[in-house]
Full PDB file with SEQRES, HELIX, SHEET, SSBOND, CRYST1, ORIGX, SCALE, CONECT and MASTER records, all heavy atoms in Angstrom:
SEQRES   1 A   33  CYS SER GLN SER ARG TYR SER ILE LYS ASN ASN ASN VAL          
SEQRES   2 A   33  ASP VAL ASN ARG SER LYS LEU LEU VAL CYS HIS ASP MET          
SEQRES   3 A   33  LYS ASN ASN TYR LEU GLU ASP                                  
HELIX    1 AA1 MET A   26  ASN A   28  5                                   3    
CRYST1    1.000    1.000    1.000  90.00  90.00  90.00 P 1           1          
ORIGX1      1.000000  0.000000  0.000000        0.00000                         
ORIGX2      0.000000  1.000000  0.000000        0.00000                         
ORIGX3      0.000000  0.000000  1.000000        0.00000                         
SCALE1      1.000000  0.000000  0.000000        0.00000                         
SCALE2      0.000000  1.000000  0.000000        0.00000                         
SCALE3      0.000000  0.000000  1.000000        0.00000                         
ATOM      1  N   CYS A   1     -16.221   9.862  -2.323  1.00  0.00           N  
ATOM      2  CA  CYS A   1     -15.030   9.997  -3.134  1.00  0.00           C  
ATOM      3  C   CYS A   1     -13.822  10.232  -2.321  1.00  0.00           C  
ATOM      4  O   CYS A   1     -12.698  10.375  -2.846  1.00  0.00           O  
ATOM      5  CB  CYS A   1     -15.225  11.139  -4.151  1.00  0.00           C  
ATOM      6  SG  CYS A   1     -15.341  12.748  -3.404  1.00  0.00           S  
ATOM      7  N   SER A   2     -13.925  10.323  -1.013  1.00  0.00           N  
ATOM      8  CA  SER A   2     -12.735  10.600  -0.218  1.00  0.00           C  
ATOM      9  C   SER A   2     -12.268   9.493   0.664  1.00  0.00           C  
ATOM     10  O   SER A   2     -11.130   9.435   1.064  1.00  0.00           O  
ATOM     11  CB  SER A   2     -13.032  11.839   0.663  1.00  0.00           C  
ATOM     12  OG  SER A   2     -14.059  11.533   1.617  1.00  0.00           O  
ATOM     13  N   GLN A   3     -13.153   8.549   0.971  1.00  0.00           N  
ATOM     14  CA  GLN A   3     -12.806   7.487   1.892  1.00  0.00           C  
ATOM     15  C   GLN A   3     -12.629   6.157   1.115  1.00  0.00           C  
ATOM     16  O   GLN A   3     -13.141   5.961   0.053  1.00  0.00           O  
ATOM     17  CB  GLN A   3     -13.882   7.242   2.935  1.00  0.00           C  
ATOM     18  CG  GLN A   3     -13.811   8.235   4.092  1.00  0.00           C  
ATOM     19  CD  GLN A   3     -14.671   7.760   5.240  1.00  0.00           C  
ATOM     20  OE1 GLN A   3     -15.700   7.178   5.036  1.00  0.00           O  
ATOM     21  NE2 GLN A   3     -14.243   8.020   6.437  1.00  0.00           N  
ATOM     22  N   SER A   4     -11.889   5.266   1.752  1.00  0.00           N  
ATOM     23  CA  SER A   4     -11.739   3.908   1.178  1.00  0.00           C  
ATOM     24  C   SER A   4     -13.107   3.221   1.273  1.00  0.00           C  
ATOM     25  O   SER A   4     -13.830   3.265   2.249  1.00  0.00           O  
ATOM     26  CB  SER A   4     -10.726   3.149   2.028  1.00  0.00           C  
ATOM     27  OG  SER A   4     -10.770   1.784   1.671  1.00  0.00           O  
ATOM     28  N   ARG A   5     -13.423   2.501   0.179  1.00  0.00           N  
ATOM     29  CA  ARG A   5     -14.641   1.732   0.159  1.00  0.00           C  
ATOM     30  C   ARG A   5     -14.407   0.296   0.592  1.00  0.00           C  
ATOM     31  O   ARG A   5     -15.318  -0.499   0.733  1.00  0.00           O  
ATOM     32  CB  ARG A   5     -15.211   1.703  -1.261  1.00  0.00           C  
ATOM     33  CG  ARG A   5     -15.554   3.081  -1.805  1.00  0.00           C  
ATOM     34  CD  ARG A   5     -16.045   3.019  -3.236  1.00  0.00           C  
ATOM     35  NE  ARG A   5     -16.208   4.349  -3.786  1.00  0.00           N  
ATOM     36  CZ  ARG A   5     -16.614   4.551  -5.039  1.00  0.00           C  
ATOM     37  NH1 ARG A   5     -16.823   3.521  -5.817  1.00  0.00           N  
ATOM     38  NH2 ARG A   5     -16.724   5.803  -5.480  1.00  0.00           N  
ATOM     39  N   TYR A   6     -13.154  -0.070   0.804  1.00  0.00           N  
ATOM     40  CA  TYR A   6     -12.808  -1.465   1.210  1.00  0.00           C  
ATOM     41  C   TYR A   6     -12.055  -1.428   2.517  1.00  0.00           C  
ATOM     42  O   TYR A   6     -11.366  -0.452   2.831  1.00  0.00           O  
ATOM     43  CB  TYR A   6     -11.929  -2.103   0.113  1.00  0.00           C  
ATOM     44  CG  TYR A   6     -12.566  -2.129  -1.273  1.00  0.00           C  
ATOM     45  CD1 TYR A   6     -12.382  -1.099  -2.160  1.00  0.00           C  
ATOM     46  CD2 TYR A   6     -13.371  -3.187  -1.622  1.00  0.00           C  
ATOM     47  CE1 TYR A   6     -12.956  -1.119  -3.406  1.00  0.00           C  
ATOM     48  CE2 TYR A   6     -14.000  -3.197  -2.880  1.00  0.00           C  
ATOM     49  CZ  TYR A   6     -13.757  -2.169  -3.769  1.00  0.00           C  
ATOM     50  OH  TYR A   6     -14.354  -2.174  -4.990  1.00  0.00           O  
ATOM     51  N   SER A   7     -12.225  -2.494   3.259  1.00  0.00           N  
ATOM     52  CA  SER A   7     -11.458  -2.603   4.484  1.00  0.00           C  
ATOM     53  C   SER A   7     -10.610  -3.847   4.431  1.00  0.00           C  
ATOM     54  O   SER A   7     -10.928  -4.813   3.717  1.00  0.00           O  
ATOM     55  CB  SER A   7     -12.381  -2.659   5.732  1.00  0.00           C  
ATOM     56  OG  SER A   7     -13.273  -3.750   5.586  1.00  0.00           O  
ATOM     57  N   ILE A   8      -9.557  -3.917   5.152  1.00  0.00           N  
ATOM     58  CA  ILE A   8      -8.694  -5.088   5.222  1.00  0.00           C  
ATOM     59  C   ILE A   8      -8.573  -5.526   6.675  1.00  0.00           C  
ATOM     60  O   ILE A   8      -8.700  -4.739   7.588  1.00  0.00           O  
ATOM     61  CB  ILE A   8      -7.308  -4.847   4.620  1.00  0.00           C  
ATOM     62  CG1 ILE A   8      -6.553  -3.724   5.328  1.00  0.00           C  
ATOM     63  CG2 ILE A   8      -7.413  -4.552   3.147  1.00  0.00           C  
ATOM     64  CD1 ILE A   8      -5.154  -3.546   4.869  1.00  0.00           C  
ATOM     65  N   LYS A   9      -8.363  -6.780   6.825  1.00  0.00           N  
ATOM     66  CA  LYS A   9      -8.191  -7.354   8.148  1.00  0.00           C  
ATOM     67  C   LYS A   9      -6.772  -7.845   8.304  1.00  0.00           C  
ATOM     68  O   LYS A   9      -5.959  -7.799   7.347  1.00  0.00           O  
ATOM     69  CB  LYS A   9      -9.197  -8.492   8.356  1.00  0.00           C  
ATOM     70  CG  LYS A   9     -10.606  -8.033   8.274  1.00  0.00           C  
ATOM     71  CD  LYS A   9     -11.614  -9.189   8.441  1.00  0.00           C  
ATOM     72  CE  LYS A   9     -13.043  -8.710   8.336  1.00  0.00           C  
ATOM     73  NZ  LYS A   9     -14.015  -9.817   8.458  1.00  0.00           N  
ATOM     74  N   ASN A  10      -6.435  -8.372   9.445  1.00  0.00           N  
ATOM     75  CA  ASN A  10      -5.139  -8.920   9.639  1.00  0.00           C  
ATOM     76  C   ASN A  10      -4.817  -9.987   8.624  1.00  0.00           C  
ATOM     77  O   ASN A  10      -5.608 -10.950   8.426  1.00  0.00           O  
ATOM     78  CB  ASN A  10      -4.977  -9.531  11.034  1.00  0.00           C  
ATOM     79  CG  ASN A  10      -4.959  -8.473  12.111  1.00  0.00           C  
ATOM     80  OD1 ASN A  10      -4.357  -7.447  11.933  1.00  0.00           O  
ATOM     81  ND2 ASN A  10      -5.636  -8.716  13.253  1.00  0.00           N  
ATOM     82  N   ASN A  11      -3.693  -9.878   7.934  1.00  0.00           N  
ATOM     83  CA  ASN A  11      -3.327 -10.883   6.977  1.00  0.00           C  
ATOM     84  C   ASN A  11      -2.571 -12.004   7.631  1.00  0.00           C  
ATOM     85  O   ASN A  11      -1.760 -11.785   8.532  1.00  0.00           O  
ATOM     86  CB  ASN A  11      -2.396 -10.266   5.849  1.00  0.00           C  
ATOM     87  CG  ASN A  11      -3.155  -9.252   5.048  1.00  0.00           C  
ATOM     88  OD1 ASN A  11      -4.377  -9.367   4.821  1.00  0.00           O  
ATOM     89  ND2 ASN A  11      -2.460  -8.230   4.544  1.00  0.00           N  
ATOM     90  N   ASN A  12      -2.824 -13.242   7.191  1.00  0.00           N  
ATOM     91  CA  ASN A  12      -2.075 -14.376   7.718  1.00  0.00           C  
ATOM     92  C   ASN A  12      -0.750 -14.507   6.965  1.00  0.00           C  
ATOM     93  O   ASN A  12      -0.583 -15.345   6.121  1.00  0.00           O  
ATOM     94  CB  ASN A  12      -2.920 -15.656   7.572  1.00  0.00           C  
ATOM     95  CG  ASN A  12      -4.183 -15.649   8.400  1.00  0.00           C  
ATOM     96  OD1 ASN A  12      -4.142 -15.154   9.510  1.00  0.00           O  
ATOM     97  ND2 ASN A  12      -5.314 -16.045   7.823  1.00  0.00           N  
ATOM     98  N   VAL A  13       0.154 -13.654   7.337  1.00  0.00           N  
ATOM     99  CA  VAL A  13       1.428 -13.592   6.641  1.00  0.00           C  
ATOM    100  C   VAL A  13       2.508 -14.245   7.529  1.00  0.00           C  
ATOM    101  O   VAL A  13       2.496 -14.091   8.757  1.00  0.00           O  
ATOM    102  CB  VAL A  13       1.821 -12.119   6.346  1.00  0.00           C  
ATOM    103  CG1 VAL A  13       3.201 -12.068   5.735  1.00  0.00           C  
ATOM    104  CG2 VAL A  13       0.796 -11.496   5.433  1.00  0.00           C  
ATOM    105  N   ASP A  14       3.419 -14.982   6.889  1.00  0.00           N  
ATOM    106  CA  ASP A  14       4.516 -15.615   7.617  1.00  0.00           C  
ATOM    107  C   ASP A  14       5.408 -14.493   8.211  1.00  0.00           C  
ATOM    108  O   ASP A  14       6.048 -13.739   7.476  1.00  0.00           O  
ATOM    109  CB  ASP A  14       5.331 -16.478   6.673  1.00  0.00           C  
ATOM    110  CG  ASP A  14       6.463 -17.225   7.356  1.00  0.00           C  
ATOM    111  OD1 ASP A  14       6.668 -16.989   8.557  1.00  0.00           O  
ATOM    112  OD2 ASP A  14       7.165 -17.977   6.689  1.00  0.00           O  
ATOM    113  N   VAL A  15       5.431 -14.406   9.523  1.00  0.00           N  
ATOM    114  CA  VAL A  15       6.179 -13.336  10.145  1.00  0.00           C  
ATOM    115  C   VAL A  15       7.672 -13.510  10.012  1.00  0.00           C  
ATOM    116  O   VAL A  15       8.435 -12.588  10.293  1.00  0.00           O  
ATOM    117  CB  VAL A  15       5.812 -13.214  11.653  1.00  0.00           C  
ATOM    118  CG1 VAL A  15       4.336 -12.838  11.831  1.00  0.00           C  
ATOM    119  CG2 VAL A  15       6.095 -14.517  12.373  1.00  0.00           C  
ATOM    120  N   ASN A  16       8.123 -14.662   9.622  1.00  0.00           N  
ATOM    121  CA  ASN A  16       9.535 -14.948   9.519  1.00  0.00           C  
ATOM    122  C   ASN A  16      10.139 -14.610   8.161  1.00  0.00           C  
ATOM    123  O   ASN A  16      11.342 -14.642   7.970  1.00  0.00           O  
ATOM    124  CB  ASN A  16       9.819 -16.426   9.801  1.00  0.00           C  
ATOM    125  CG  ASN A  16       9.498 -16.780  11.256  1.00  0.00           C  
ATOM    126  OD1 ASN A  16       9.833 -16.055  12.181  1.00  0.00           O  
ATOM    127  ND2 ASN A  16       8.764 -17.906  11.419  1.00  0.00           N  
ATOM    128  N   ARG A  17       9.286 -14.306   7.169  1.00  0.00           N  
ATOM    129  CA  ARG A  17       9.840 -13.991   5.862  1.00  0.00           C  
ATOM    130  C   ARG A  17      10.028 -12.465   5.697  1.00  0.00           C  
ATOM    131  O   ARG A  17       9.372 -11.659   6.402  1.00  0.00           O  
ATOM    132  CB  ARG A  17       8.921 -14.529   4.747  1.00  0.00           C  
ATOM    133  CG  ARG A  17       7.631 -13.770   4.584  1.00  0.00           C  
ATOM    134  CD  ARG A  17       6.952 -14.152   3.260  1.00  0.00           C  
ATOM    135  NE  ARG A  17       5.669 -13.523   3.073  1.00  0.00           N  
ATOM    136  CZ  ARG A  17       5.450 -12.252   2.652  1.00  0.00           C  
ATOM    137  NH1 ARG A  17       6.500 -11.493   2.426  1.00  0.00           N  
ATOM    138  NH2 ARG A  17       4.214 -11.803   2.505  1.00  0.00           N  
ATOM    139  N   SER A  18      10.862 -12.090   4.778  1.00  0.00           N  
ATOM    140  CA  SER A  18      11.027 -10.692   4.456  1.00  0.00           C  
ATOM    141  C   SER A  18       9.755 -10.132   3.796  1.00  0.00           C  
ATOM    142  O   SER A  18       9.003 -10.890   3.166  1.00  0.00           O  
ATOM    143  CB  SER A  18      12.206 -10.493   3.513  1.00  0.00           C  
ATOM    144  OG  SER A  18      13.401 -10.912   4.115  1.00  0.00           O  
ATOM    145  N   LYS A  19       9.521  -8.831   3.965  1.00  0.00           N  
ATOM    146  CA  LYS A  19       8.340  -8.228   3.367  1.00  0.00           C  
ATOM    147  C   LYS A  19       8.743  -7.087   2.424  1.00  0.00           C  
ATOM    148  O   LYS A  19       9.783  -6.449   2.610  1.00  0.00           O  
ATOM    149  CB  LYS A  19       7.425  -7.705   4.488  1.00  0.00           C  
ATOM    150  CG  LYS A  19       6.887  -8.817   5.397  1.00  0.00           C  
ATOM    151  CD  LYS A  19       6.008  -8.241   6.485  1.00  0.00           C  
ATOM    152  CE  LYS A  19       5.447  -9.413   7.327  1.00  0.00           C  
ATOM    153  NZ  LYS A  19       6.525 -10.193   7.951  1.00  0.00           N  
ATOM    154  N   LEU A  20       7.906  -6.862   1.477  1.00  0.00           N  
ATOM    155  CA  LEU A  20       8.201  -5.857   0.410  1.00  0.00           C  
ATOM    156  C   LEU A  20       7.272  -4.650   0.557  1.00  0.00           C  
ATOM    157  O   LEU A  20       6.051  -4.754   0.555  1.00  0.00           O  
ATOM    158  CB  LEU A  20       8.010  -6.468  -0.965  1.00  0.00           C  
ATOM    159  CG  LEU A  20       8.214  -5.515  -2.185  1.00  0.00           C  
ATOM    160  CD1 LEU A  20       9.664  -5.034  -2.196  1.00  0.00           C  
ATOM    161  CD2 LEU A  20       7.880  -6.202  -3.461  1.00  0.00           C  
ATOM    162  N   LEU A  21       7.874  -3.487   0.693  1.00  0.00           N  
ATOM    163  CA  LEU A  21       7.135  -2.236   0.711  1.00  0.00           C  
ATOM    164  C   LEU A  21       7.434  -1.493  -0.589  1.00  0.00           C  
ATOM    165  O   LEU A  21       8.587  -1.342  -1.002  1.00  0.00           O  
ATOM    166  CB  LEU A  21       7.568  -1.352   1.911  1.00  0.00           C  
ATOM    167  CG  LEU A  21       6.934   0.047   1.988  1.00  0.00           C  
ATOM    168  CD1 LEU A  21       6.696   0.428   3.429  1.00  0.00           C  
ATOM    169  CD2 LEU A  21       7.803   1.115   1.352  1.00  0.00           C  
ATOM    170  N   VAL A  22       6.380  -1.051  -1.274  1.00  0.00           N  
ATOM    171  CA  VAL A  22       6.470  -0.222  -2.462  1.00  0.00           C  
ATOM    172  C   VAL A  22       6.201   1.210  -2.084  1.00  0.00           C  
ATOM    173  O   VAL A  22       5.145   1.532  -1.533  1.00  0.00           O  
ATOM    174  CB  VAL A  22       5.527  -0.693  -3.583  1.00  0.00           C  
ATOM    175  CG1 VAL A  22       5.532   0.281  -4.757  1.00  0.00           C  
ATOM    176  CG2 VAL A  22       5.947  -2.087  -4.091  1.00  0.00           C  
ATOM    177  N   CYS A  23       7.123   2.113  -2.399  1.00  0.00           N  
ATOM    178  CA  CYS A  23       7.014   3.510  -2.034  1.00  0.00           C  
ATOM    179  C   CYS A  23       6.782   4.349  -3.298  1.00  0.00           C  
ATOM    180  O   CYS A  23       7.669   4.442  -4.160  1.00  0.00           O  
ATOM    181  CB  CYS A  23       8.264   3.943  -1.288  1.00  0.00           C  
ATOM    182  SG  CYS A  23       8.093   5.469  -0.381  1.00  0.00           S  
ATOM    183  N   HIS A  24       5.663   4.936  -3.368  1.00  0.00           N  
ATOM    184  CA  HIS A  24       5.261   5.783  -4.555  1.00  0.00           C  
ATOM    185  C   HIS A  24       5.963   7.119  -4.369  1.00  0.00           C  
ATOM    186  O   HIS A  24       5.883   7.767  -3.324  1.00  0.00           O  
ATOM    187  CB  HIS A  24       3.727   5.932  -4.448  1.00  0.00           C  
ATOM    188  CG  HIS A  24       3.111   7.031  -5.245  1.00  0.00           C  
ATOM    189  ND1 HIS A  24       3.327   8.378  -5.028  1.00  0.00           N  
ATOM    190  CD2 HIS A  24       2.214   6.959  -6.247  1.00  0.00           C  
ATOM    191  CE1 HIS A  24       2.601   9.066  -5.875  1.00  0.00           C  
ATOM    192  NE2 HIS A  24       1.890   8.273  -6.610  1.00  0.00           N  
ATOM    193  N   ASP A  25       6.629   7.595  -5.406  1.00  0.00           N  
ATOM    194  CA  ASP A  25       7.431   8.830  -5.327  1.00  0.00           C  
ATOM    195  C   ASP A  25       6.754   9.919  -6.107  1.00  0.00           C  
ATOM    196  O   ASP A  25       6.756   9.911  -7.366  1.00  0.00           O  
ATOM    197  CB  ASP A  25       8.858   8.571  -5.799  1.00  0.00           C  
ATOM    198  CG  ASP A  25       9.803   9.750  -5.576  1.00  0.00           C  
ATOM    199  OD1 ASP A  25       9.276  10.829  -5.245  1.00  0.00           O  
ATOM    200  OD2 ASP A  25      10.987   9.550  -5.669  1.00  0.00           O  
ATOM    201  N   MET A  26       6.238  10.901  -5.404  1.00  0.00           N  
ATOM    202  CA  MET A  26       5.552  12.035  -6.086  1.00  0.00           C  
ATOM    203  C   MET A  26       6.421  12.851  -7.029  1.00  0.00           C  
ATOM    204  O   MET A  26       5.909  13.551  -7.884  1.00  0.00           O  
ATOM    205  CB  MET A  26       4.908  12.938  -5.028  1.00  0.00           C  
ATOM    206  CG  MET A  26       3.660  12.415  -4.383  1.00  0.00           C  
ATOM    207  SD  MET A  26       2.309  12.170  -5.501  1.00  0.00           S  
ATOM    208  CE  MET A  26       1.888  13.849  -5.905  1.00  0.00           C  
ATOM    209  N   LYS A  27       7.706  12.812  -6.850  1.00  0.00           N  
ATOM    210  CA  LYS A  27       8.595  13.617  -7.663  1.00  0.00           C  
ATOM    211  C   LYS A  27       8.843  13.080  -9.048  1.00  0.00           C  
ATOM    212  O   LYS A  27       9.411  13.757  -9.910  1.00  0.00           O  
ATOM    213  CB  LYS A  27       9.961  13.818  -6.961  1.00  0.00           C  
ATOM    214  CG  LYS A  27       9.879  14.750  -5.778  1.00  0.00           C  
ATOM    215  CD  LYS A  27       9.453  16.160  -6.207  1.00  0.00           C  
ATOM    216  CE  LYS A  27       9.491  17.115  -5.044  1.00  0.00           C  
ATOM    217  NZ  LYS A  27       9.020  18.475  -5.429  1.00  0.00           N  
ATOM    218  N   ASN A  28       8.407  11.862  -9.327  1.00  0.00           N  
ATOM    219  CA  ASN A  28       8.600  11.273 -10.647  1.00  0.00           C  
ATOM    220  C   ASN A  28       7.357  11.349 -11.466  1.00  0.00           C  
ATOM    221  O   ASN A  28       6.940  10.410 -12.146  1.00  0.00           O  
ATOM    222  CB  ASN A  28       9.079   9.826 -10.534  1.00  0.00           C  
ATOM    223  CG  ASN A  28      10.522   9.748 -10.096  1.00  0.00           C  
ATOM    224  OD1 ASN A  28      11.209  10.755 -10.101  1.00  0.00           O  
ATOM    225  ND2 ASN A  28      10.971   8.557  -9.747  1.00  0.00           N  
ATOM    226  N   ASN A  29       6.706  12.530 -11.431  1.00  0.00           N  
ATOM    227  CA  ASN A  29       5.545  12.834 -12.285  1.00  0.00           C  
ATOM    228  C   ASN A  29       4.288  12.024 -11.925  1.00  0.00           C  
ATOM    229  O   ASN A  29       3.395  11.951 -12.748  1.00  0.00           O  
ATOM    230  CB  ASN A  29       5.888  12.596 -13.764  1.00  0.00           C  
ATOM    231  CG  ASN A  29       7.048  13.480 -14.232  1.00  0.00           C  
ATOM    232  OD1 ASN A  29       7.127  14.642 -13.923  1.00  0.00           O  
ATOM    233  ND2 ASN A  29       8.008  12.903 -14.945  1.00  0.00           N  
ATOM    234  N   TYR A  30       4.239  11.480 -10.746  1.00  0.00           N  
ATOM    235  CA  TYR A  30       3.009  10.788 -10.312  1.00  0.00           C  
ATOM    236  C   TYR A  30       2.120  11.796  -9.610  1.00  0.00           C  
ATOM    237  O   TYR A  30       1.905  11.734  -8.403  1.00  0.00           O  
ATOM    238  CB  TYR A  30       3.362   9.599  -9.377  1.00  0.00           C  
ATOM    239  CG  TYR A  30       4.433   8.733  -9.884  1.00  0.00           C  
ATOM    240  CD1 TYR A  30       5.286   8.097  -8.983  1.00  0.00           C  
ATOM    241  CD2 TYR A  30       4.626   8.460 -11.257  1.00  0.00           C  
ATOM    242  CE1 TYR A  30       6.335   7.257  -9.412  1.00  0.00           C  
ATOM    243  CE2 TYR A  30       5.642   7.623 -11.670  1.00  0.00           C  
ATOM    244  CZ  TYR A  30       6.472   6.993 -10.748  1.00  0.00           C  
ATOM    245  OH  TYR A  30       7.439   6.168 -11.179  1.00  0.00           O  
ATOM    246  N   LEU A  31       1.580  12.698 -10.359  1.00  0.00           N  
ATOM    247  CA  LEU A  31       0.833  13.796  -9.736  1.00  0.00           C  
ATOM    248  C   LEU A  31      -0.657  13.687 -10.010  1.00  0.00           C  
ATOM    249  O   LEU A  31      -1.478  14.118  -9.177  1.00  0.00           O  
ATOM    250  CB  LEU A  31       1.325  15.136 -10.250  1.00  0.00           C  
ATOM    251  CG  LEU A  31       2.826  15.428 -10.043  1.00  0.00           C  
ATOM    252  CD1 LEU A  31       3.220  16.735 -10.747  1.00  0.00           C  
ATOM    253  CD2 LEU A  31       3.053  15.599  -8.496  1.00  0.00           C  
ATOM    254  N   GLU A  32      -1.033  13.162 -11.140  1.00  0.00           N  
ATOM    255  CA  GLU A  32      -2.486  13.105 -11.521  1.00  0.00           C  
ATOM    256  C   GLU A  32      -3.267  12.102 -10.714  1.00  0.00           C  
ATOM    257  O   GLU A  32      -4.518  12.163 -10.714  1.00  0.00           O  
ATOM    258  CB  GLU A  32      -2.610  12.856 -12.991  1.00  0.00           C  
ATOM    259  CG  GLU A  32      -2.092  13.979 -13.869  1.00  0.00           C  
ATOM    260  CD  GLU A  32      -2.907  15.249 -13.699  1.00  0.00           C  
ATOM    261  OE1 GLU A  32      -4.156  15.172 -13.549  1.00  0.00           O  
ATOM    262  OE2 GLU A  32      -2.320  16.354 -13.620  1.00  0.00           O  
ATOM    263  N   ASP A  33      -2.632  11.143 -10.088  1.00  0.00           N  
ATOM    264  CA  ASP A  33      -3.381  10.115  -9.375  1.00  0.00           C  
ATOM    265  C   ASP A  33      -3.893  10.612  -8.028  1.00  0.00           C  
ATOM    266  O   ASP A  33      -4.465   9.851  -7.275  1.00  0.00           O  
ATOM    267  CB  ASP A  33      -2.552   8.845  -9.201  1.00  0.00           C  
ATOM    268  CG  ASP A  33      -1.265   9.104  -8.458  1.00  0.00           C  
ATOM    269  OD1 ASP A  33      -1.036  10.246  -7.989  1.00  0.00           O  
ATOM    270  OD2 ASP A  33      -0.446   8.159  -8.310  1.00  0.00           O  
TER     271      ASP A  33                                                      
MASTER        0    0    0    1    0    0    0    6  270    1    0    3          
END                                                                             
């Protein structure tokens, strides 16, 4: 229950394109997850 059950490898992503990061904000009531 504490470790990831899945692993990821290097993604074949176009290094020249912009990338999107989603940042989860604990202050907006995202506490139960």
